[in-house]
């Protein structure tokens, strides 16, 4: 793909990277800095109810899991931006064929054409 063709995809990737970085930072702050009691202004370390502890733990684990998924996507975005700079964006990393522009519009950070992605998921 020519640099001029890749430019709109690069802009999309840069916007996605900025959003993901913001999301990850916000989730990290939410998961690691505040419990429910701190958020409500209760600074005592004694929980009101055992279920509150379970809810806090579940919420924190859920947020950390979402954060991990966002970080994985962020890594894919970074790799796609590197491929843009190297002139390899839109080239399948598996078969070296072209990744369709329609697929890149849907998943701009994908390193695989649809055929190879389907094959890899089936493994």
PDB file of N, CA and C in Angstrom:
ATOM      1  N   UNK A   1       0.849  -1.177   0.000  1.00  0.00           N
ATOM      2  CA  UNK A   1       0.000   0.000   0.000  1.00  0.00           C
ATOM      3  C   UNK A   1       0.895   1.241   0.000  1.00  0.00           C
ATOM      4  N   UNK A   2       0.560   2.182  -0.836  1.00  0.00           N
ATOM      5  CA  UNK A   2       1.331   3.424  -0.919  1.00  0.00           C
ATOM      6  C   UNK A   2       1.107   4.267   0.333  1.00  0.00           C
ATOM      7  N   UNK A   3       2.096   5.114   0.621  1.00  0.00           N
ATOM      8  CA  UNK A   3       2.004   5.979   1.816  1.00  0.00           C
ATOM      9  C   UNK A   3       0.759   6.856   1.774  1.00  0.00           C
ATOM     10  N   UNK A   4       0.409   7.353   0.578  1.00  0.00           N
ATOM     11  CA  UNK A   4      -0.775   8.212   0.476  1.00  0.00           C
ATOM     12  C   UNK A   4      -2.049   7.422   0.766  1.00  0.00           C
ATOM     13  N   UNK A   5      -2.077   6.155   0.382  1.00  0.00           N
ATOM     14  CA  UNK A   5      -3.236   5.304   0.672  1.00  0.00           C
ATOM     15  C   UNK A   5      -3.300   4.959   2.162  1.00  0.00           C
ATOM     16  N   UNK A   6      -2.134   4.832   2.786  1.00  0.00           N
ATOM     17  CA  UNK A   6      -2.069   4.444   4.194  1.00  0.00           C
ATOM     18  C   UNK A   6      -2.348   5.609   5.141  1.00  0.00           C
ATOM     19  N   UNK A   7      -2.265   6.843   4.637  1.00  0.00           N
ATOM     20  CA  UNK A   7      -2.404   8.016   5.509  1.00  0.00           C
ATOM     21  C   UNK A   7      -3.715   8.031   6.302  1.00  0.00           C
ATOM     22  N   UNK A   8      -4.892   7.793   5.670  1.00  0.00           N
ATOM     23  CA  UNK A   8      -6.127   7.796   6.487  1.00  0.00           C
ATOM     24  C   UNK A   8      -6.150   6.686   7.537  1.00  0.00           C
ATOM     25  N   UNK A   9      -5.526   5.553   7.205  1.00  0.00           N
ATOM     26  CA  UNK A   9      -5.466   4.458   8.174  1.00  0.00           C
ATOM     27  C   UNK A   9      -4.538   4.821   9.333  1.00  0.00           C
ATOM     28  N   UNK A  10      -3.441   5.510   9.018  1.00  0.00           N
ATOM     29  CA  UNK A  10      -2.518   5.948  10.065  1.00  0.00           C
ATOM     30  C   UNK A  10      -3.230   6.908  11.020  1.00  0.00           C
ATOM     31  N   UNK A  11      -4.006   7.828  10.470  1.00  0.00           N
ATOM     32  CA  UNK A  11      -4.756   8.760  11.314  1.00  0.00           C
ATOM     33  C   UNK A  11      -5.753   8.023  12.197  1.00  0.00           C
ATOM     34  N   UNK A  12      -6.421   7.018  11.616  1.00  0.00           N
ATOM     35  CA  UNK A  12      -7.351   6.203  12.400  1.00  0.00           C
ATOM     36  C   UNK A  12      -6.621   5.497  13.536  1.00  0.00           C
ATOM     37  N   UNK A  13      -5.460   4.933  13.221  1.00  0.00           N
ATOM     38  CA  UNK A  13      -4.671   4.216  14.225  1.00  0.00           C
ATOM     39  C   UNK A  13      -4.183   5.155  15.329  1.00  0.00           C
ATOM     40  N   UNK A  14      -3.760   6.353  14.951  1.00  0.00           N
ATOM     41  CA  UNK A  14      -3.303   7.322  15.956  1.00  0.00           C
ATOM     42  C   UNK A  14      -4.437   7.732  16.893  1.00  0.00           C
ATOM     43  N   UNK A  15      -5.626   7.922  16.341  1.00  0.00           N
ATOM     44  CA  UNK A  15      -6.786   8.269  17.180  1.00  0.00           C
ATOM     45  C   UNK A  15      -7.150   7.115  18.103  1.00  0.00           C
ATOM     46  N   UNK A  16      -7.114   5.904  17.559  1.00  0.00           N
ATOM     47  CA  UNK A  16      -7.425   4.720  18.358  1.00  0.00           C
ATOM     48  C   UNK A  16      -6.394   4.554  19.477  1.00  0.00           C
ATOM     49  N   UNK A  17      -5.118   4.771  19.157  1.00  0.00           N
ATOM     50  CA  UNK A  17      -4.060   4.662  20.167  1.00  0.00           C
ATOM     51  C   UNK A  17      -4.287   5.673  21.296  1.00  0.00           C
ATOM     52  N   UNK A  18      -4.606   6.896  20.942  1.00  0.00           N
ATOM     53  CA  UNK A  18      -4.844   7.928  21.954  1.00  0.00           C
ATOM     54  C   UNK A  18      -6.028   7.558  22.846  1.00  0.00           C
ATOM     55  N   UNK A  19      -7.101   7.055  22.238  1.00  0.00           N
ATOM     56  CA  UNK A  19      -8.275   6.663  23.028  1.00  0.00           C
ATOM     57  C   UNK A  19      -7.954   5.498  23.949  1.00  0.00           C
ATOM     58  N   UNK A  20      -7.248   4.489  23.413  1.00  0.00           N
ATOM     59  CA  UNK A  20      -6.911   3.324  24.227  1.00  0.00           C
ATOM     60  C   UNK A  20      -5.984   3.690  25.381  1.00  0.00           C
ATOM     61  N   UNK A  21      -5.018   4.552  25.120  1.00  0.00           N
ATOM     62  CA  UNK A  21      -4.123   4.983  26.198  1.00  0.00           C
ATOM     63  C   UNK A  21      -4.908   5.677  27.300  1.00  0.00           C
ATOM     64  N   UNK A  22      -5.845   6.520  26.916  1.00  0.00           N
ATOM     65  CA  UNK A  22      -6.685   7.203  27.900  1.00  0.00           C
ATOM     66  C   UNK A  22      -7.548   6.232  28.670  1.00  0.00           C
ATOM     67  N   UNK A  23      -8.134   5.256  27.956  1.00  0.00           N
ATOM     68  CA  UNK A  23      -8.984   4.259  28.610  1.00  0.00           C
ATOM     69  C   UNK A  23      -8.188   3.430  29.606  1.00  0.00           C
ATOM     70  N   UNK A  24      -7.007   2.997  29.198  1.00  0.00           N
ATOM     71  CA  UNK A  24      -6.183   2.165  30.074  1.00  0.00           C
ATOM     72  C   UNK A  24      -5.801   2.936  31.330  1.00  0.00           C
ATOM     73  N   UNK A  25      -5.414   4.197  31.152  1.00  0.00           N
ATOM     74  CA  UNK A  25      -5.037   5.014  32.312  1.00  0.00           C
ATOM     75  C   UNK A  25      -6.228   5.216  33.252  1.00  0.00           C
ATOM     76  N   UNK A  26      -7.388   5.499  32.689  1.00  0.00           N
ATOM     77  CA  UNK A  26      -8.583   5.715  33.508  1.00  0.00           C
ATOM     78  C   UNK A  26      -8.965   4.439  34.254  1.00  0.00           C
ATOM     79  N   UNK A  27      -8.893   3.296  33.563  1.00  0.00           N
ATOM     80  CA  UNK A  27      -9.235   2.031  34.218  1.00  0.00           C
ATOM     81  C   UNK A  27      -8.217   1.691  35.302  1.00  0.00           C
ATOM     82  N   UNK A  28      -6.949   1.952  35.046  1.00  0.00           N
ATOM     83  CA  UNK A  28      -5.917   1.673  36.053  1.00  0.00           C
ATOM     84  C   UNK A  28      -6.175   2.499  37.301  1.00  0.00           C
ATOM     85  N   UNK A  29      -6.486   3.765  37.116  1.00  0.00           N
ATOM     86  CA  UNK A  29      -6.778   4.624  38.261  1.00  0.00           C
ATOM     87  C   UNK A  29      -8.006   4.142  39.008  1.00  0.00           C
ATOM     88  N   UNK A  30      -9.029   3.758  38.277  1.00  0.00           N
ATOM     89  CA  UNK A  30     -10.269   3.296  38.913  1.00  0.00           C
ATOM     90  C   UNK A  30     -10.053   1.990  39.660  1.00  0.00           C
ATOM     91  N   UNK A  31      -9.313   1.073  39.061  1.00  0.00           N
ATOM     92  CA  UNK A  31      -9.144  -0.250  39.663  1.00  0.00           C
ATOM     93  C   UNK A  31      -8.171  -0.247  40.831  1.00  0.00           C
ATOM     94  N   UNK A  32      -7.143   0.531  40.735  1.00  0.00           N
ATOM     95  CA  UNK A  32      -6.070   0.427  41.715  1.00  0.00           C
ATOM     96  C   UNK A  32      -6.101   1.473  42.817  1.00  0.00           C
ATOM     97  N   UNK A  33      -6.827   2.553  42.615  1.00  0.00           N
ATOM     98  CA  UNK A  33      -6.755   3.645  43.579  1.00  0.00           C
ATOM     99  C   UNK A  33      -7.953   3.774  44.495  1.00  0.00           C
ATOM    100  N   UNK A  34      -9.111   3.347  44.067  1.00  0.00           N
ATOM    101  CA  UNK A  34     -10.291   3.598  44.894  1.00  0.00           C
ATOM    102  C   UNK A  34     -11.126   2.350  45.090  1.00  0.00           C
ATOM    103  N   UNK A  35     -11.511   2.124  46.320  1.00  0.00           N
ATOM    104  CA  UNK A  35     -12.500   1.102  46.611  1.00  0.00           C
ATOM    105  C   UNK A  35     -13.848   1.805  46.729  1.00  0.00           C
ATOM    106  N   UNK A  36     -14.888   1.059  46.832  1.00  0.00           N
ATOM    107  CA  UNK A  36     -16.225   1.636  46.941  1.00  0.00           C
ATOM    108  C   UNK A  36     -16.340   2.555  48.160  1.00  0.00           C
ATOM    109  N   UNK A  37     -15.789   2.119  49.296  1.00  0.00           N
ATOM    110  CA  UNK A  37     -15.907   2.944  50.503  1.00  0.00           C
ATOM    111  C   UNK A  37     -15.138   4.251  50.348  1.00  0.00           C
ATOM    112  N   UNK A  38     -13.959   4.211  49.719  1.00  0.00           N
ATOM    113  CA  UNK A  38     -13.208   5.448  49.498  1.00  0.00           C
ATOM    114  C   UNK A  38     -13.956   6.365  48.548  1.00  0.00           C
ATOM    115  N   UNK A  39     -14.583   5.793  47.543  1.00  0.00           N
ATOM    116  CA  UNK A  39     -15.337   6.597  46.574  1.00  0.00           C
ATOM    117  C   UNK A  39     -16.526   7.275  47.253  1.00  0.00           C
ATOM    118  N   UNK A  40     -17.100   6.624  48.269  1.00  0.00           N
ATOM    119  CA  UNK A  40     -18.239   7.197  48.988  1.00  0.00           C
ATOM    120  C   UNK A  40     -17.809   8.115  50.118  1.00  0.00           C
ATOM    121  N   UNK A  41     -16.507   8.251  50.325  1.00  0.00           N
ATOM    122  CA  UNK A  41     -16.022   9.146  51.372  1.00  0.00           C
ATOM    123  C   UNK A  41     -15.821   8.473  52.715  1.00  0.00           C
ATOM    124  N   UNK A  42     -16.049   7.153  52.795  1.00  0.00           N
ATOM    125  CA  UNK A  42     -15.857   6.424  54.048  1.00  0.00           C
ATOM    126  C   UNK A  42     -14.390   6.016  54.136  1.00  0.00           C
ATOM    127  N   UNK A  43     -13.646   6.641  55.018  1.00  0.00           N
ATOM    128  CA  UNK A  43     -12.212   6.389  55.088  1.00  0.00           C
ATOM    129  C   UNK A  43     -11.862   5.299  56.091  1.00  0.00           C
ATOM    130  N   UNK A  44     -12.847   4.744  56.790  1.00  0.00           N
ATOM    131  CA  UNK A  44     -12.538   3.673  57.725  1.00  0.00           C
ATOM    132  C   UNK A  44     -12.246   2.403  56.930  1.00  0.00           C
ATOM    133  N   UNK A  45     -11.414   1.554  57.485  1.00  0.00           N
ATOM    134  CA  UNK A  45     -11.045   0.333  56.771  1.00  0.00           C
ATOM    135  C   UNK A  45     -12.027  -0.806  57.043  1.00  0.00           C
ATOM    136  N   UNK A  46     -13.010  -0.582  57.879  1.00  0.00           N
ATOM    137  CA  UNK A  46     -13.991  -1.607  58.218  1.00  0.00           C
ATOM    138  C   UNK A  46     -15.134  -1.572  57.217  1.00  0.00           C
ATOM    139  N   UNK A  47     -15.312  -2.642  56.438  1.00  0.00           N
ATOM    140  CA  UNK A  47     -16.418  -2.658  55.481  1.00  0.00           C
ATOM    141  C   UNK A  47     -17.765  -2.754  56.187  1.00  0.00           C
ATOM    142  N   UNK A  48     -18.755  -2.264  55.503  1.00  0.00           N
ATOM    143  CA  UNK A  48     -20.093  -2.293  56.068  1.00  0.00           C
ATOM    144  C   UNK A  48     -20.667  -3.708  56.013  1.00  0.00           C
ATOM    145  N   UNK A  49     -20.381  -4.423  54.960  1.00  0.00           N
ATOM    146  CA  UNK A  49     -20.947  -5.746  54.760  1.00  0.00           C
ATOM    147  C   UNK A  49     -19.962  -6.593  53.970  1.00  0.00           C
ATOM    148  N   UNK A  50     -19.908  -7.894  54.234  1.00  0.00           N
ATOM    149  CA  UNK A  50     -18.986  -8.787  53.527  1.00  0.00           C
ATOM    150  C   UNK A  50     -19.258  -8.790  52.017  1.00  0.00           C
ATOM    151  N   UNK A  51     -20.518  -8.617  51.638  1.00  0.00           N
ATOM    152  CA  UNK A  51     -20.840  -8.585  50.212  1.00  0.00           C
ATOM    153  C   UNK A  51     -20.184  -7.393  49.520  1.00  0.00           C
ATOM    154  N   UNK A  52     -19.995  -6.298  50.266  1.00  0.00           N
ATOM    155  CA  UNK A  52     -19.320  -5.138  49.695  1.00  0.00           C
ATOM    156  C   UNK A  52     -17.881  -5.468  49.303  1.00  0.00           C
ATOM    157  N   UNK A  53     -17.209  -6.257  50.139  1.00  0.00           N
ATOM    158  CA  UNK A  53     -15.838  -6.658  49.831  1.00  0.00           C
ATOM    159  C   UNK A  53     -15.828  -7.486  48.549  1.00  0.00           C
ATOM    160  N   UNK A  54     -16.750  -8.435  48.444  1.00  0.00           N
ATOM    161  CA  UNK A  54     -16.842  -9.275  47.250  1.00  0.00           C
ATOM    162  C   UNK A  54     -17.137  -8.454  46.011  1.00  0.00           C
ATOM    163  N   UNK A  55     -18.042  -7.493  46.140  1.00  0.00           N
ATOM    164  CA  UNK A  55     -18.366  -6.628  45.009  1.00  0.00           C
ATOM    165  C   UNK A  55     -17.172  -5.795  44.592  1.00  0.00           C
ATOM    166  N   UNK A  56     -16.455  -5.255  45.567  1.00  0.00           N
ATOM    167  CA  UNK A  56     -15.256  -4.458  45.274  1.00  0.00           C
ATOM    168  C   UNK A  56     -14.210  -5.303  44.558  1.00  0.00           C
ATOM    169  N   UNK A  57     -13.991  -6.527  45.062  1.00  0.00           N
ATOM    170  CA  UNK A  57     -13.000  -7.408  44.444  1.00  0.00           C
ATOM    171  C   UNK A  57     -13.400  -7.787  43.029  1.00  0.00           C
ATOM    172  N   UNK A  58     -14.674  -8.121  42.842  1.00  0.00           N
ATOM    173  CA  UNK A  58     -15.152  -8.479  41.502  1.00  0.00           C
ATOM    174  C   UNK A  58     -14.984  -7.309  40.543  1.00  0.00           C
ATOM    175  N   UNK A  59     -15.365  -6.140  40.983  1.00  0.00           N
ATOM    176  CA  UNK A  59     -15.271  -4.948  40.141  1.00  0.00           C
ATOM    177  C   UNK A  59     -13.815  -4.658  39.775  1.00  0.00           C
ATOM    178  N   UNK A  60     -12.928  -4.809  40.742  1.00  0.00           N
ATOM    179  CA  UNK A  60     -11.516  -4.559  40.481  1.00  0.00           C
ATOM    180  C   UNK A  60     -10.951  -5.589  39.499  1.00  0.00           C
ATOM    181  N   UNK A  61     -11.274  -6.863  39.681  1.00  0.00           N
ATOM    182  CA  UNK A  61     -10.791  -7.902  38.774  1.00  0.00           C
ATOM    183  C   UNK A  61     -11.355  -7.722  37.377  1.00  0.00           C
ATOM    184  N   UNK A  62     -12.615  -7.345  37.289  1.00  0.00           N
ATOM    185  CA  UNK A  62     -13.239  -7.110  35.995  1.00  0.00           C
ATOM    186  C   UNK A  62     -12.554  -5.951  35.273  1.00  0.00           C
ATOM    187  N   UNK A  63     -12.291  -4.885  35.983  1.00  0.00           N
ATOM    188  CA  UNK A  63     -11.616  -3.725  35.403  1.00  0.00           C
ATOM    189  C   UNK A  63     -10.209  -4.092  34.955  1.00  0.00           C
ATOM    190  N   UNK A  64      -9.492  -4.864  35.750  1.00  0.00           N
ATOM    191  CA  UNK A  64      -8.143  -5.279  35.381  1.00  0.00           C
ATOM    192  C   UNK A  64      -8.161  -6.170  34.135  1.00  0.00           C
ATOM    193  N   UNK A  65      -9.168  -7.017  34.016  1.00  0.00           N
ATOM    194  CA  UNK A  65      -9.304  -7.862  32.829  1.00  0.00           C
ATOM    195  C   UNK A  65      -9.567  -7.021  31.581  1.00  0.00           C
ATOM    196  N   UNK A  66     -10.460  -6.049  31.706  1.00  0.00           N
ATOM    197  CA  UNK A  66     -10.732  -5.143  30.584  1.00  0.00           C
ATOM    198  C   UNK A  66      -9.476  -4.361  30.206  1.00  0.00           C
ATOM    199  N   UNK A  67      -8.737  -3.952  31.216  1.00  0.00           N
ATOM    200  CA  UNK A  67      -7.514  -3.199  30.994  1.00  0.00           C
ATOM    201  C   UNK A  67      -6.495  -4.046  30.222  1.00  0.00           C
ATOM    202  N   UNK A  68      -6.397  -5.310  30.565  1.00  0.00           N
ATOM    203  CA  UNK A  68      -5.477  -6.215  29.874  1.00  0.00           C
ATOM    204  C   UNK A  68      -5.868  -6.359  28.403  1.00  0.00           C
ATOM    205  N   UNK A  69      -7.172  -6.486  28.138  1.00  0.00           N
ATOM    206  CA  UNK A  69      -7.642  -6.582  26.751  1.00  0.00           C
ATOM    207  C   UNK A  69      -7.309  -5.315  25.974  1.00  0.00           C
ATOM    208  N   UNK A  70      -7.501  -4.161  26.605  1.00  0.00           N
ATOM    209  CA  UNK A  70      -7.204  -2.882  25.953  1.00  0.00           C
ATOM    210  C   UNK A  70      -5.703  -2.769  25.680  1.00  0.00           C
ATOM    211  N   UNK A  71      -4.885  -3.248  26.605  1.00  0.00           N
ATOM    212  CA  UNK A  71      -3.434  -3.204  26.403  1.00  0.00           C
ATOM    213  C   UNK A  71      -3.014  -4.093  25.240  1.00  0.00           C
ATOM    214  N   UNK A  72      -3.663  -5.256  25.104  1.00  0.00           N
ATOM    215  CA  UNK A  72      -3.374  -6.144  23.969  1.00  0.00           C
ATOM    216  C   UNK A  72      -3.709  -5.449  22.653  1.00  0.00           C
ATOM    217  N   UNK A  73      -4.847  -4.782  22.607  1.00  0.00           N
ATOM    218  CA  UNK A  73      -5.241  -4.053  21.406  1.00  0.00           C
ATOM    219  C   UNK A  73      -4.282  -2.914  21.138  1.00  0.00           C
ATOM    220  N   UNK A  74      -3.846  -2.248  22.189  1.00  0.00           N
ATOM    221  CA  UNK A  74      -2.889  -1.150  22.049  1.00  0.00           C
ATOM    222  C   UNK A  74      -1.583  -1.652  21.430  1.00  0.00           C
ATOM    223  N   UNK A  75      -1.130  -2.822  21.828  1.00  0.00           N
ATOM    224  CA  UNK A  75       0.080  -3.407  21.239  1.00  0.00           C
ATOM    225  C   UNK A  75      -0.118  -3.674  19.746  1.00  0.00           C
ATOM    226  N   UNK A  76      -1.303  -4.157  19.359  1.00  0.00           N
ATOM    227  CA  UNK A  76      -1.597  -4.397  17.947  1.00  0.00           C
ATOM    228  C   UNK A  76      -1.606  -3.091  17.162  1.00  0.00           C
ATOM    229  N   UNK A  77      -2.132  -2.035  17.768  1.00  0.00           N
ATOM    230  CA  UNK A  77      -2.161  -0.720  17.129  1.00  0.00           C
ATOM    231  C   UNK A  77      -0.736  -0.211  16.921  1.00  0.00           C
ATOM    232  N   UNK A  78       0.091  -0.351  17.948  1.00  0.00           N
ATOM    233  CA  UNK A  78       1.495   0.084  17.843  1.00  0.00           C
ATOM    234  C   UNK A  78       2.215  -0.674  16.725  1.00  0.00           C
ATOM    235  N   UNK A  79       1.973  -1.980  16.630  1.00  0.00           N
ATOM    236  CA  UNK A  79       2.599  -2.785  15.580  1.00  0.00           C
ATOM    237  C   UNK A  79       2.114  -2.339  14.200  1.00  0.00           C
ATOM    238  N   UNK A  80       0.832  -2.008  14.096  1.00  0.00           N
ATOM    239  CA  UNK A  80       0.284  -1.537  12.816  1.00  0.00           C
ATOM    240  C   UNK A  80       0.910  -0.206  12.420  1.00  0.00           C
ATOM    241  N   UNK A  81       1.110   0.683  13.388  1.00  0.00           N
ATOM    242  CA  UNK A  81       1.763   1.958  13.090  1.00  0.00           C
ATOM    243  C   UNK A  81       3.203   1.745  12.614  1.00  0.00           C
ATOM    244  N   UNK A  82       3.880   0.758  13.180  1.00  0.00           N
ATOM    245  CA  UNK A  82       5.231   0.425  12.716  1.00  0.00           C
ATOM    246  C   UNK A  82       5.192  -0.075  11.273  1.00  0.00           C
ATOM    247  N   UNK A  83       4.188  -0.906  10.956  1.00  0.00           N
ATOM    248  CA  UNK A  83       4.060  -1.404   9.579  1.00  0.00           C
ATOM    249  C   UNK A  83       3.794  -0.254   8.604  1.00  0.00           C
ATOM    250  N   UNK A  84       3.027   0.749   9.036  1.00  0.00           N
ATOM    251  CA  UNK A  84       2.787   1.923   8.189  1.00  0.00           C
ATOM    252  C   UNK A  84       4.119   2.601   7.880  1.00  0.00           C
ATOM    253  N   UNK A  85       4.927   2.822   8.913  1.00  0.00           N
ATOM    254  CA  UNK A  85       6.217   3.501   8.746  1.00  0.00           C
ATOM    255  C   UNK A  85       7.177   2.695   7.868  1.00  0.00           C
ATOM    256  N   UNK A  86       7.095   1.375   7.956  1.00  0.00           N
ATOM    257  CA  UNK A  86       7.982   0.501   7.182  1.00  0.00           C
ATOM    258  C   UNK A  86       7.463   0.239   5.767  1.00  0.00           C
ATOM    259  N   UNK A  87       6.263   0.736   5.468  1.00  0.00           N
ATOM    260  CA  UNK A  87       5.683   0.497   4.154  1.00  0.00           C
ATOM    261  C   UNK A  87       5.092  -0.896   3.999  1.00  0.00           C
ATOM    262  N   UNK A  88       4.834  -1.569   5.131  1.00  0.00           N
ATOM    263  CA  UNK A  88       4.291  -2.933   5.115  1.00  0.00           C
ATOM    264  C   UNK A  88       2.826  -3.007   5.542  1.00  0.00           C
ATOM    265  N   UNK A  89       2.216  -1.854   5.749  1.00  0.00           N
ATOM    266  CA  UNK A  89       0.813  -1.834   6.195  1.00  0.00           C
ATOM    267  C   UNK A  89      -0.068  -2.364   5.068  1.00  0.00           C
ATOM    268  N   UNK A  90      -0.998  -3.223   5.419  1.00  0.00           N
ATOM    269  CA  UNK A  90      -1.907  -3.802   4.432  1.00  0.00           C
ATOM    270  C   UNK A  90      -1.379  -5.075   3.816  1.00  0.00           C
ATOM    271  N   UNK A  91      -0.221  -5.537   4.282  1.00  0.00           N
ATOM    272  CA  UNK A  91       0.362  -6.794   3.813  1.00  0.00           C
ATOM    273  C   UNK A  91       0.163  -7.832   4.908  1.00  0.00           C
ATOM    274  N   UNK A  92      -0.442  -8.959   4.560  1.00  0.00           N
ATOM    275  CA  UNK A  92      -0.706 -10.032   5.525  1.00  0.00           C
ATOM    276  C   UNK A  92       0.611 -10.576   6.070  1.00  0.00           C
ATOM    277  N   UNK A  93       0.710 -10.683   7.378  1.00  0.00           N
ATOM    278  CA  UNK A  93       1.920 -11.180   8.026  1.00  0.00           C
ATOM    279  C   UNK A  93       2.075 -12.693   7.888  1.00  0.00           C
ATOM    280  N   UNK A  94       1.030 -13.355   7.453  1.00  0.00           N
ATOM    281  CA  UNK A  94       1.064 -14.815   7.313  1.00  0.00           C
ATOM    282  C   UNK A  94       1.404 -15.230   5.878  1.00  0.00           C
ATOM    283  N   UNK A  95       0.675 -14.705   4.902  1.00  0.00           N
ATOM    284  CA  UNK A  95       0.825 -15.156   3.515  1.00  0.00           C
ATOM    285  C   UNK A  95       1.444 -14.106   2.590  1.00  0.00           C
ATOM    286  N   UNK A  96       1.688 -12.913   3.112  1.00  0.00           N
ATOM    287  CA  UNK A  96       2.250 -11.784   2.355  1.00  0.00           C
ATOM    288  C   UNK A  96       1.315 -11.266   1.262  1.00  0.00           C
ATOM    289  N   UNK A  97       0.052 -11.687   1.315  1.00  0.00           N
ATOM    290  CA  UNK A  97      -0.950 -11.158   0.390  1.00  0.00           C
ATOM    291  C   UNK A  97      -1.472  -9.822   0.888  1.00  0.00           C
ATOM    292  N   UNK A  98      -2.355  -9.219   0.114  1.00  0.00           N
ATOM    293  CA  UNK A  98      -2.940  -7.932   0.486  1.00  0.00           C
ATOM    294  C   UNK A  98      -4.103  -8.133   1.459  1.00  0.00           C
ATOM    295  N   UNK A  99      -4.157  -7.288   2.463  1.00  0.00           N
ATOM    296  CA  UNK A  99      -5.311  -7.243   3.365  1.00  0.00           C
ATOM    297  C   UNK A  99      -6.279  -6.245   2.733  1.00  0.00           C
ATOM    298  N   UNK A 100      -7.532  -6.646   2.577  1.00  0.00           N
ATOM    299  CA  UNK A 100      -8.490  -5.766   1.898  1.00  0.00           C
ATOM    300  C   UNK A 100      -8.701  -4.472   2.675  1.00  0.00           C
ATOM    301  N   UNK A 101      -8.938  -3.409   1.931  1.00  0.00           N
ATOM    302  CA  UNK A 101      -9.172  -2.110   2.563  1.00  0.00           C
ATOM    303  C   UNK A 101     -10.443  -2.148   3.403  1.00  0.00           C
ATOM    304  N   UNK A 102     -11.424  -2.921   2.972  1.00  0.00           N
ATOM    305  CA  UNK A 102     -12.654  -3.054   3.754  1.00  0.00           C
ATOM    306  C   UNK A 102     -12.346  -3.653   5.129  1.00  0.00           C
ATOM    307  N   UNK A 103     -11.474  -4.660   5.151  1.00  0.00           N
ATOM    308  CA  UNK A 103     -11.077  -5.275   6.430  1.00  0.00           C
ATOM    309  C   UNK A 103     -10.286  -4.277   7.272  1.00  0.00           C
ATOM    310  N   UNK A 104      -9.402  -3.517   6.651  1.00  0.00           N
ATOM    311  CA  UNK A 104      -8.607  -2.537   7.391  1.00  0.00           C
ATOM    312  C   UNK A 104      -9.475  -1.408   7.939  1.00  0.00           C
ATOM    313  N   UNK A 105     -10.552  -1.077   7.243  1.00  0.00           N
ATOM    314  CA  UNK A 105     -11.466  -0.066   7.774  1.00  0.00           C
ATOM    315  C   UNK A 105     -12.177  -0.581   9.018  1.00  0.00           C
ATOM    316  N   UNK A 106     -12.493  -1.875   9.020  1.00  0.00           N
ATOM    317  CA  UNK A 106     -13.185  -2.469  10.167  1.00  0.00           C
ATOM    318  C   UNK A 106     -12.238  -2.710  11.331  1.00  0.00           C
ATOM    319  N   UNK A 107     -11.039  -3.234  11.020  1.00  0.00           N
ATOM    320  CA  UNK A 107     -10.039  -3.556  12.052  1.00  0.00           C
ATOM    321  C   UNK A 107      -8.701  -2.999  11.553  1.00  0.00           C
ATOM    322  N   UNK A 108      -8.446  -1.713  11.769  1.00  0.00           N
ATOM    323  CA  UNK A 108      -7.262  -1.086  11.179  1.00  0.00           C
ATOM    324  C   UNK A 108      -5.931  -1.636  11.680  1.00  0.00           C
ATOM    325  N   UNK A 109      -5.930  -2.349  12.784  1.00  0.00           N
ATOM    326  CA  UNK A 109      -4.691  -2.876  13.352  1.00  0.00           C
ATOM    327  C   UNK A 109      -4.458  -4.347  13.010  1.00  0.00           C
ATOM    328  N   UNK A 110      -5.307  -4.932  12.177  1.00  0.00           N
ATOM    329  CA  UNK A 110      -5.165  -6.352  11.869  1.00  0.00           C
ATOM    330  C   UNK A 110      -3.896  -6.636  11.069  1.00  0.00           C
ATOM    331  N   UNK A 111      -3.152  -7.664  11.462  1.00  0.00           N
ATOM    332  CA  UNK A 111      -1.958  -8.025  10.695  1.00  0.00           C
ATOM    333  C   UNK A 111      -2.229  -9.108   9.643  1.00  0.00           C
ATOM    334  N   UNK A 112      -3.483  -9.585   9.558  1.00  0.00           N
ATOM    335  CA  UNK A 112      -3.782 -10.723   8.690  1.00  0.00           C
ATOM    336  C   UNK A 112      -4.943 -10.443   7.737  1.00  0.00           C
ATOM    337  N   UNK A 113      -4.873 -11.074   6.569  1.00  0.00           N
ATOM    338  CA  UNK A 113      -6.016 -11.055   5.655  1.00  0.00           C
ATOM    339  C   UNK A 113      -7.105 -11.948   6.267  1.00  0.00           C
ATOM    340  N   UNK A 114      -8.295 -11.866   5.731  1.00  0.00           N
ATOM    341  CA  UNK A 114      -9.427 -12.613   6.314  1.00  0.00           C
ATOM    342  C   UNK A 114      -9.206 -14.125   6.225  1.00  0.00           C
ATOM    343  N   UNK A 115      -8.616 -14.579   5.140  1.00  0.00           N
ATOM    344  CA  UNK A 115      -8.380 -16.013   4.960  1.00  0.00           C
ATOM    345  C   UNK A 115      -7.426 -16.548   6.023  1.00  0.00           C
ATOM    346  N   UNK A 116      -6.321 -15.850   6.232  1.00  0.00           N
ATOM    347  CA  UNK A 116      -5.339 -16.286   7.238  1.00  0.00           C
ATOM    348  C   UNK A 116      -5.867 -16.117   8.658  1.00  0.00           C
ATOM    349  N   UNK A 117      -6.601 -15.044   8.905  1.00  0.00           N
ATOM    350  CA  UNK A 117      -7.179 -14.831  10.237  1.00  0.00           C
ATOM    351  C   UNK A 117      -8.140 -15.960  10.587  1.00  0.00           C
ATOM    352  N   UNK A 118      -8.937 -16.387   9.617  1.00  0.00           N
ATOM    353  CA  UNK A 118      -9.872 -17.499   9.833  1.00  0.00           C
ATOM    354  C   UNK A 118      -9.107 -18.777  10.125  1.00  0.00           C
ATOM    355  N   UNK A 119      -8.050 -19.012   9.370  1.00  0.00           N
ATOM    356  CA  UNK A 119      -7.234 -20.210   9.559  1.00  0.00           C
ATOM    357  C   UNK A 119      -6.570 -20.193  10.936  1.00  0.00           C
ATOM    358  N   UNK A 120      -6.050 -19.050  11.354  1.00  0.00           N
ATOM    359  CA  UNK A 120      -5.354 -18.935  12.649  1.00  0.00           C
ATOM    360  C   UNK A 120      -6.320 -19.132  13.816  1.00  0.00           C
ATOM    361  N   UNK A 121      -7.546 -18.605  13.677  1.00  0.00           N
ATOM    362  CA  UNK A 121      -8.535 -18.775  14.750  1.00  0.00           C
ATOM    363  C   UNK A 121      -8.934 -20.228  14.914  1.00  0.00           C
ATOM    364  N   UNK A 122      -8.890 -20.986  13.827  1.00  0.00           N
ATOM    365  CA  UNK A 122      -9.280 -22.395  13.874  1.00  0.00           C
ATOM    366  C   UNK A 122      -8.239 -23.289  14.502  1.00  0.00           C
ATOM    367  N   UNK A 123      -7.034 -22.768  14.724  1.00  0.00           N
ATOM    368  CA  UNK A 123      -5.952 -23.596  15.293  1.00  0.00           C
ATOM    369  C   UNK A 123      -6.191 -23.918  16.728  1.00  0.00           C
TER     370      UNK A 123
END
